Structure formats: structure tokens, C-alpha cells
Amino acid sequence: MCLIDRYLLREFLFWLAVFFAGFLMIWIAFDLGLDLHRFQQAHLRGKDIVAYYFYEIPEFVPIALPVAILLATLYVITNHARYNELTAIRAAGISLVRLCMPYFTAGLFFSALLNLAGAGFP
């Protein structure tokens, strides 16, 4: 893996984590707003609610991960274009296909991971 691939992949994975964490927080806040009355009726404590949402995260991953991948890819490519990094990479002789390989590989990896994780569910 050459230096440019590591750079592109590092930028992509950082923004993927940021977008996924953002979606996760929004989902938890929205769901907590809807279910807070039910939690109060059941007399659940804070650590019980945290444990509940911790175990609900795998249900949320197949919904949020594809959207987070799309937004992270769009954001990273737009950022590189804004600061003329794509022009510099192309001037260095790297083709567009080679430039997209880290994004394609990461997307393929996460798609396979989601597919394998979903294979165990009915």
C-alpha cells in the first residue's frame, strides 16, 4: 500500500467514524425521547438504559453504515477537490481508477462485513 492510499484511507475512515457516531447519537436521542416514558414506568436506572442502547446498536448498524459510507466518501472527495489535492494527485500521474481504489476497497470490505453479519439473522 503506497503512501497516497494510506492518506486517502485514513481521511475516509476518520470521517466514516464521525458520521457513524453522529448518526448513532441522533438515533439514540430520538429513540430515548420516544421511549423515556416507558423507561420511567419500568423504573430503569441510567446504567440499565445505557446497557439497553448498547445492545441495540447492532440493530442500527445495517441502517446507518451505508449512509455513513456514502456521506464520508462524498465529504472526503469534496474536501480533496476543494483544496486541489485531486489535481495534485492527478498531476503526479495517478489515474482516477487508482485514486478511487481505497474508497472502493473500504466500501467492499464494509459491505461484505454487513453481509456476513446479516447472514446469521433470520
N, C-alpha and C. Protein backbone atom coordinates (compact mmCIF):
# COMPACT_ATOMS: atom_id res chain seq x y z
N MET A 1 0.85 -1.17 0.00
CA MET A 1 0.00 0.00 0.00
C MET A 1 0.90 1.23 0.00
N CYS A 2 0.70 2.08 -0.98
CA CYS A 2 1.57 3.25 -1.07
C CYS A 2 1.06 4.37 -0.17
N LEU A 3 1.82 5.39 -0.07
CA LEU A 3 1.56 6.48 0.86
C LEU A 3 0.25 7.19 0.55
N ILE A 4 -0.04 7.38 -0.71
CA ILE A 4 -1.28 8.09 -1.07
C ILE A 4 -2.51 7.27 -0.69
N ASP A 5 -2.43 5.95 -0.81
CA ASP A 5 -3.55 5.09 -0.40
C ASP A 5 -3.79 5.19 1.10
N ARG A 6 -2.73 5.18 1.87
CA ARG A 6 -2.88 5.30 3.33
C ARG A 6 -3.48 6.64 3.71
N TYR A 7 -3.06 7.70 3.03
CA TYR A 7 -3.60 9.03 3.31
C TYR A 7 -5.09 9.09 2.99
N LEU A 8 -5.47 8.61 1.82
CA LEU A 8 -6.87 8.65 1.42
C LEU A 8 -7.73 7.77 2.32
N LEU A 9 -7.23 6.61 2.66
CA LEU A 9 -7.98 5.70 3.53
C LEU A 9 -8.10 6.25 4.94
N ARG A 10 -7.04 6.88 5.44
CA ARG A 10 -7.10 7.46 6.79
C ARG A 10 -8.14 8.58 6.85
N GLU A 11 -8.15 9.44 5.85
CA GLU A 11 -9.15 10.51 5.81
C GLU A 11 -10.56 9.94 5.72
N PHE A 12 -10.75 8.93 4.89
CA PHE A 12 -12.07 8.32 4.72
C PHE A 12 -12.54 7.66 6.01
N LEU A 13 -11.67 6.89 6.65
CA LEU A 13 -12.08 6.18 7.87
C LEU A 13 -12.37 7.14 9.02
N PHE A 14 -11.63 8.24 9.10
CA PHE A 14 -11.91 9.23 10.13
C PHE A 14 -13.31 9.80 9.96
N TRP A 15 -13.63 10.23 8.75
CA TRP A 15 -14.95 10.83 8.53
C TRP A 15 -16.06 9.79 8.57
N LEU A 16 -15.75 8.55 8.23
CA LEU A 16 -16.74 7.49 8.38
C LEU A 16 -17.10 7.31 9.85
N ALA A 17 -16.10 7.31 10.71
CA ALA A 17 -16.35 7.18 12.15
C ALA A 17 -17.13 8.38 12.68
N VAL A 18 -16.81 9.57 12.21
CA VAL A 18 -17.51 10.77 12.67
C VAL A 18 -18.97 10.73 12.25
N PHE A 19 -19.23 10.39 10.99
CA PHE A 19 -20.62 10.35 10.52
C PHE A 19 -21.40 9.23 11.19
N PHE A 20 -20.79 8.07 11.36
CA PHE A 20 -21.49 6.97 12.01
C PHE A 20 -21.80 7.30 13.47
N ALA A 21 -20.84 7.91 14.17
CA ALA A 21 -21.08 8.29 15.56
C ALA A 21 -22.17 9.37 15.64
N GLY A 22 -22.19 10.27 14.69
CA GLY A 22 -23.23 11.29 14.65
C GLY A 22 -24.61 10.68 14.44
N PHE A 23 -24.70 9.75 13.50
CA PHE A 23 -25.98 9.06 13.27
C PHE A 23 -26.40 8.28 14.50
N LEU A 24 -25.44 7.65 15.15
CA LEU A 24 -25.73 6.87 16.35
C LEU A 24 -26.27 7.76 17.46
N MET A 25 -25.65 8.92 17.65
CA MET A 25 -26.13 9.83 18.69
C MET A 25 -27.52 10.36 18.38
N ILE A 26 -27.76 10.71 17.13
CA ILE A 26 -29.09 11.20 16.75
C ILE A 26 -30.13 10.11 16.95
N TRP A 27 -29.79 8.88 16.57
CA TRP A 27 -30.73 7.76 16.74
C TRP A 27 -31.04 7.52 18.22
N ILE A 28 -30.02 7.53 19.05
CA ILE A 28 -30.23 7.30 20.48
C ILE A 28 -31.07 8.43 21.08
N ALA A 29 -30.78 9.67 20.73
CA ALA A 29 -31.54 10.80 21.27
C ALA A 29 -33.00 10.73 20.84
N PHE A 30 -33.24 10.41 19.58
CA PHE A 30 -34.61 10.31 19.08
C PHE A 30 -35.35 9.16 19.75
N ASP A 31 -34.71 8.01 19.84
CA ASP A 31 -35.35 6.84 20.44
C ASP A 31 -35.56 7.04 21.95
N LEU A 32 -34.62 7.69 22.59
CA LEU A 32 -34.76 7.97 24.02
C LEU A 32 -35.93 8.92 24.27
N GLY A 33 -36.09 9.88 23.39
CA GLY A 33 -37.23 10.79 23.51
C GLY A 33 -38.56 10.07 23.37
N LEU A 34 -38.60 9.06 22.52
CA LEU A 34 -39.84 8.30 22.35
C LEU A 34 -40.09 7.31 23.48
N ASP A 35 -39.02 6.71 24.01
CA ASP A 35 -39.18 5.63 24.99
C ASP A 35 -38.91 6.04 26.43
N LEU A 36 -38.67 7.30 26.69
CA LEU A 36 -38.33 7.71 28.05
C LEU A 36 -39.46 7.43 29.03
N HIS A 37 -40.69 7.64 28.59
CA HIS A 37 -41.83 7.38 29.47
C HIS A 37 -41.90 5.89 29.83
N ARG A 38 -41.64 5.04 28.87
CA ARG A 38 -41.64 3.59 29.12
C ARG A 38 -40.52 3.20 30.08
N PHE A 39 -39.36 3.82 29.93
CA PHE A 39 -38.25 3.53 30.84
C PHE A 39 -38.57 3.99 32.26
N GLN A 40 -39.25 5.14 32.38
CA GLN A 40 -39.61 5.64 33.70
C GLN A 40 -40.64 4.74 34.36
N GLN A 41 -41.58 4.23 33.57
CA GLN A 41 -42.60 3.33 34.14
C GLN A 41 -41.98 2.03 34.62
N ALA A 42 -40.94 1.59 33.95
CA ALA A 42 -40.26 0.35 34.34
C ALA A 42 -39.24 0.59 35.45
N HIS A 43 -39.09 1.84 35.89
CA HIS A 43 -38.15 2.22 36.95
C HIS A 43 -36.71 1.78 36.63
N LEU A 44 -36.32 2.01 35.38
CA LEU A 44 -34.95 1.68 34.97
C LEU A 44 -34.00 2.79 35.41
N ARG A 45 -32.82 2.39 35.79
CA ARG A 45 -31.77 3.34 36.16
C ARG A 45 -30.96 3.69 34.93
N GLY A 46 -30.08 4.67 35.09
CA GLY A 46 -29.28 5.15 33.97
C GLY A 46 -28.42 4.08 33.34
N LYS A 47 -27.79 3.26 34.19
CA LYS A 47 -26.91 2.22 33.63
C LYS A 47 -27.71 1.15 32.89
N ASP A 48 -28.98 0.93 33.27
CA ASP A 48 -29.82 -0.02 32.55
C ASP A 48 -30.19 0.52 31.17
N ILE A 49 -30.44 1.81 31.10
CA ILE A 49 -30.77 2.43 29.81
C ILE A 49 -29.55 2.43 28.90
N VAL A 50 -28.37 2.71 29.45
CA VAL A 50 -27.14 2.67 28.66
C VAL A 50 -26.89 1.25 28.14
N ALA A 51 -27.10 0.25 28.98
CA ALA A 51 -26.93 -1.14 28.55
C ALA A 51 -27.94 -1.50 27.47
N TYR A 52 -29.17 -1.01 27.60
CA TYR A 52 -30.19 -1.27 26.58
C TYR A 52 -29.76 -0.74 25.22
N TYR A 53 -29.28 0.51 25.19
CA TYR A 53 -28.87 1.09 23.92
C TYR A 53 -27.57 0.47 23.41
N PHE A 54 -26.71 0.01 24.29
CA PHE A 54 -25.51 -0.69 23.86
C PHE A 54 -25.87 -1.97 23.11
N TYR A 55 -26.86 -2.68 23.59
CA TYR A 55 -27.27 -3.92 22.94
C TYR A 55 -28.17 -3.68 21.73
N GLU A 56 -28.67 -2.48 21.54
CA GLU A 56 -29.47 -2.13 20.38
C GLU A 56 -28.63 -1.64 19.20
N ILE A 57 -27.36 -1.36 19.43
CA ILE A 57 -26.50 -0.84 18.37
C ILE A 57 -26.41 -1.79 17.17
N PRO A 58 -26.28 -3.11 17.36
CA PRO A 58 -26.20 -3.98 16.17
C PRO A 58 -27.44 -3.93 15.28
N GLU A 59 -28.57 -3.57 15.84
CA GLU A 59 -29.77 -3.41 15.02
C GLU A 59 -29.69 -2.15 14.17
N PHE A 60 -28.96 -1.17 14.64
CA PHE A 60 -28.86 0.11 13.95
C PHE A 60 -27.77 0.13 12.89
N VAL A 61 -26.77 -0.70 13.02
CA VAL A 61 -25.61 -0.67 12.11
C VAL A 61 -26.01 -0.88 10.64
N PRO A 62 -26.85 -1.87 10.28
CA PRO A 62 -27.19 -2.03 8.86
C PRO A 62 -27.94 -0.85 8.27
N ILE A 63 -28.56 -0.05 9.10
CA ILE A 63 -29.28 1.12 8.60
C ILE A 63 -28.32 2.29 8.39
N ALA A 64 -27.44 2.52 9.35
CA ALA A 64 -26.62 3.73 9.34
C ALA A 64 -25.31 3.60 8.59
N LEU A 65 -24.73 2.41 8.55
CA LEU A 65 -23.40 2.28 7.95
C LEU A 65 -23.39 2.61 6.45
N PRO A 66 -24.34 2.13 5.65
CA PRO A 66 -24.29 2.52 4.23
C PRO A 66 -24.43 4.02 4.01
N VAL A 67 -25.27 4.68 4.80
CA VAL A 67 -25.43 6.13 4.66
C VAL A 67 -24.16 6.84 5.11
N ALA A 68 -23.55 6.36 6.18
CA ALA A 68 -22.31 6.97 6.66
C ALA A 68 -21.19 6.78 5.64
N ILE A 69 -21.13 5.63 4.99
CA ILE A 69 -20.11 5.40 3.95
C ILE A 69 -20.30 6.37 2.79
N LEU A 70 -21.54 6.53 2.36
CA LEU A 70 -21.82 7.45 1.26
C LEU A 70 -21.44 8.88 1.62
N LEU A 71 -21.87 9.33 2.79
CA LEU A 71 -21.57 10.71 3.18
C LEU A 71 -20.08 10.93 3.41
N ALA A 72 -19.41 9.95 4.00
CA ALA A 72 -17.96 10.09 4.21
C ALA A 72 -17.22 10.16 2.88
N THR A 73 -17.62 9.34 1.93
CA THR A 73 -16.97 9.37 0.61
C THR A 73 -17.20 10.70 -0.08
N LEU A 74 -18.43 11.17 -0.06
CA LEU A 74 -18.73 12.46 -0.69
C LEU A 74 -17.98 13.61 -0.01
N TYR A 75 -17.94 13.57 1.31
CA TYR A 75 -17.27 14.64 2.04
C TYR A 75 -15.76 14.64 1.78
N VAL A 76 -15.15 13.46 1.79
CA VAL A 76 -13.70 13.38 1.59
C VAL A 76 -13.32 13.81 0.18
N ILE A 77 -14.05 13.35 -0.81
CA ILE A 77 -13.72 13.71 -2.19
C ILE A 77 -13.95 15.21 -2.42
N THR A 78 -15.02 15.76 -1.84
CA THR A 78 -15.27 17.19 -1.96
C THR A 78 -14.17 18.00 -1.27
N ASN A 79 -13.74 17.53 -0.12
CA ASN A 79 -12.66 18.22 0.59
C ASN A 79 -11.36 18.18 -0.21
N HIS A 80 -11.05 17.03 -0.80
CA HIS A 80 -9.83 16.93 -1.61
C HIS A 80 -9.92 17.83 -2.84
N ALA A 81 -11.09 17.91 -3.43
CA ALA A 81 -11.25 18.78 -4.60
C ALA A 81 -11.18 20.24 -4.20
N ARG A 82 -11.71 20.59 -3.04
CA ARG A 82 -11.70 21.98 -2.57
C ARG A 82 -10.27 22.48 -2.38
N TYR A 83 -9.41 21.64 -1.86
CA TYR A 83 -8.04 22.05 -1.61
C TYR A 83 -7.07 21.63 -2.72
N ASN A 84 -7.60 21.29 -3.88
CA ASN A 84 -6.83 20.96 -5.08
C ASN A 84 -5.90 19.77 -4.89
N GLU A 85 -6.24 18.90 -3.96
CA GLU A 85 -5.43 17.70 -3.77
C GLU A 85 -5.65 16.70 -4.90
N LEU A 86 -6.85 16.66 -5.43
CA LEU A 86 -7.12 15.75 -6.56
C LEU A 86 -6.30 16.17 -7.79
N THR A 87 -6.17 17.46 -7.99
CA THR A 87 -5.37 17.95 -9.12
C THR A 87 -3.91 17.57 -8.94
N ALA A 88 -3.42 17.70 -7.72
CA ALA A 88 -2.01 17.34 -7.46
C ALA A 88 -1.79 15.84 -7.63
N ILE A 89 -2.74 15.04 -7.19
CA ILE A 89 -2.61 13.59 -7.33
C ILE A 89 -2.65 13.20 -8.80
N ARG A 90 -3.56 13.82 -9.55
CA ARG A 90 -3.63 13.52 -10.98
C ARG A 90 -2.37 13.99 -11.69
N ALA A 91 -1.80 15.12 -11.28
CA ALA A 91 -0.57 15.63 -11.89
C ALA A 91 0.61 14.73 -11.59
N ALA A 92 0.52 13.98 -10.50
CA ALA A 92 1.59 13.04 -10.15
C ALA A 92 1.52 11.77 -11.00
N GLY A 93 0.51 11.67 -11.84
CA GLY A 93 0.41 10.54 -12.75
C GLY A 93 -0.47 9.40 -12.25
N ILE A 94 -1.26 9.62 -11.23
CA ILE A 94 -2.15 8.58 -10.70
C ILE A 94 -3.50 8.71 -11.39
N SER A 95 -3.98 7.61 -11.94
CA SER A 95 -5.24 7.63 -12.67
C SER A 95 -6.41 7.73 -11.71
N LEU A 96 -7.59 8.06 -12.27
CA LEU A 96 -8.79 8.17 -11.45
C LEU A 96 -9.20 6.82 -10.87
N VAL A 97 -8.98 5.77 -11.64
CA VAL A 97 -9.31 4.43 -11.15
C VAL A 97 -8.43 4.08 -9.96
N ARG A 98 -7.16 4.38 -10.06
CA ARG A 98 -6.23 4.11 -8.95
C ARG A 98 -6.54 4.99 -7.75
N LEU A 99 -6.99 6.21 -8.02
CA LEU A 99 -7.34 7.14 -6.96
C LEU A 99 -8.56 6.66 -6.17
N CYS A 100 -9.49 6.00 -6.85
CA CYS A 100 -10.73 5.53 -6.20
C CYS A 100 -10.58 4.18 -5.52
N MET A 101 -9.48 3.50 -5.71
CA MET A 101 -9.32 2.16 -5.15
C MET A 101 -9.43 2.09 -3.63
N PRO A 102 -8.87 3.01 -2.85
CA PRO A 102 -9.05 2.91 -1.40
C PRO A 102 -10.52 3.01 -0.98
N TYR A 103 -11.27 3.89 -1.65
CA TYR A 103 -12.69 4.04 -1.33
C TYR A 103 -13.47 2.80 -1.74
N PHE A 104 -13.15 2.28 -2.92
CA PHE A 104 -13.84 1.08 -3.40
C PHE A 104 -13.53 -0.11 -2.49
N THR A 105 -12.29 -0.25 -2.10
CA THR A 105 -11.89 -1.36 -1.24
C THR A 105 -12.56 -1.27 0.14
N ALA A 106 -12.58 -0.07 0.71
CA ALA A 106 -13.22 0.10 2.01
C ALA A 106 -14.72 -0.16 1.91
N GLY A 107 -15.37 0.33 0.85
CA GLY A 107 -16.79 0.08 0.67
C GLY A 107 -17.09 -1.40 0.48
N LEU A 108 -16.25 -2.07 -0.27
CA LEU A 108 -16.43 -3.51 -0.46
C LEU A 108 -16.22 -4.28 0.84
N PHE A 109 -15.24 -3.87 1.63
CA PHE A 109 -14.99 -4.52 2.91
C PHE A 109 -16.18 -4.36 3.85
N PHE A 110 -16.69 -3.13 3.98
CA PHE A 110 -17.81 -2.90 4.88
C PHE A 110 -19.09 -3.56 4.37
N SER A 111 -19.27 -3.64 3.06
CA SER A 111 -20.43 -4.34 2.50
C SER A 111 -20.35 -5.83 2.80
N ALA A 112 -19.17 -6.42 2.64
CA ALA A 112 -19.00 -7.83 2.97
C ALA A 112 -19.20 -8.08 4.45
N LEU A 113 -18.71 -7.17 5.28
CA LEU A 113 -18.89 -7.30 6.72
C LEU A 113 -20.37 -7.25 7.11
N LEU A 114 -21.11 -6.34 6.51
CA LEU A 114 -22.54 -6.27 6.77
C LEU A 114 -23.27 -7.51 6.27
N ASN A 115 -22.84 -8.01 5.12
CA ASN A 115 -23.46 -9.22 4.57
C ASN A 115 -23.19 -10.42 5.44
N LEU A 116 -21.96 -10.57 5.93
CA LEU A 116 -21.64 -11.69 6.81
C LEU A 116 -22.34 -11.57 8.15
N ALA A 117 -22.45 -10.36 8.67
CA ALA A 117 -23.12 -10.15 9.95
C ALA A 117 -24.61 -10.42 9.81
N GLY A 118 -25.18 -10.10 8.68
CA GLY A 118 -26.60 -10.31 8.48
C GLY A 118 -26.96 -11.74 8.11
N ALA A 119 -25.97 -12.56 7.78
CA ALA A 119 -26.24 -13.94 7.39
C ALA A 119 -26.72 -14.78 8.55
N GLY A 120 -26.38 -14.41 9.78
CA GLY A 120 -26.78 -15.18 10.94
C GLY A 120 -28.19 -14.89 11.41
N PHE A 121 -28.82 -13.83 10.86
CA PHE A 121 -30.16 -13.47 11.32
C PHE A 121 -31.20 -14.06 10.38
N PRO A 122 -32.36 -14.44 10.91
CA PRO A 122 -33.41 -15.00 10.03
C PRO A 122 -34.04 -13.97 9.16
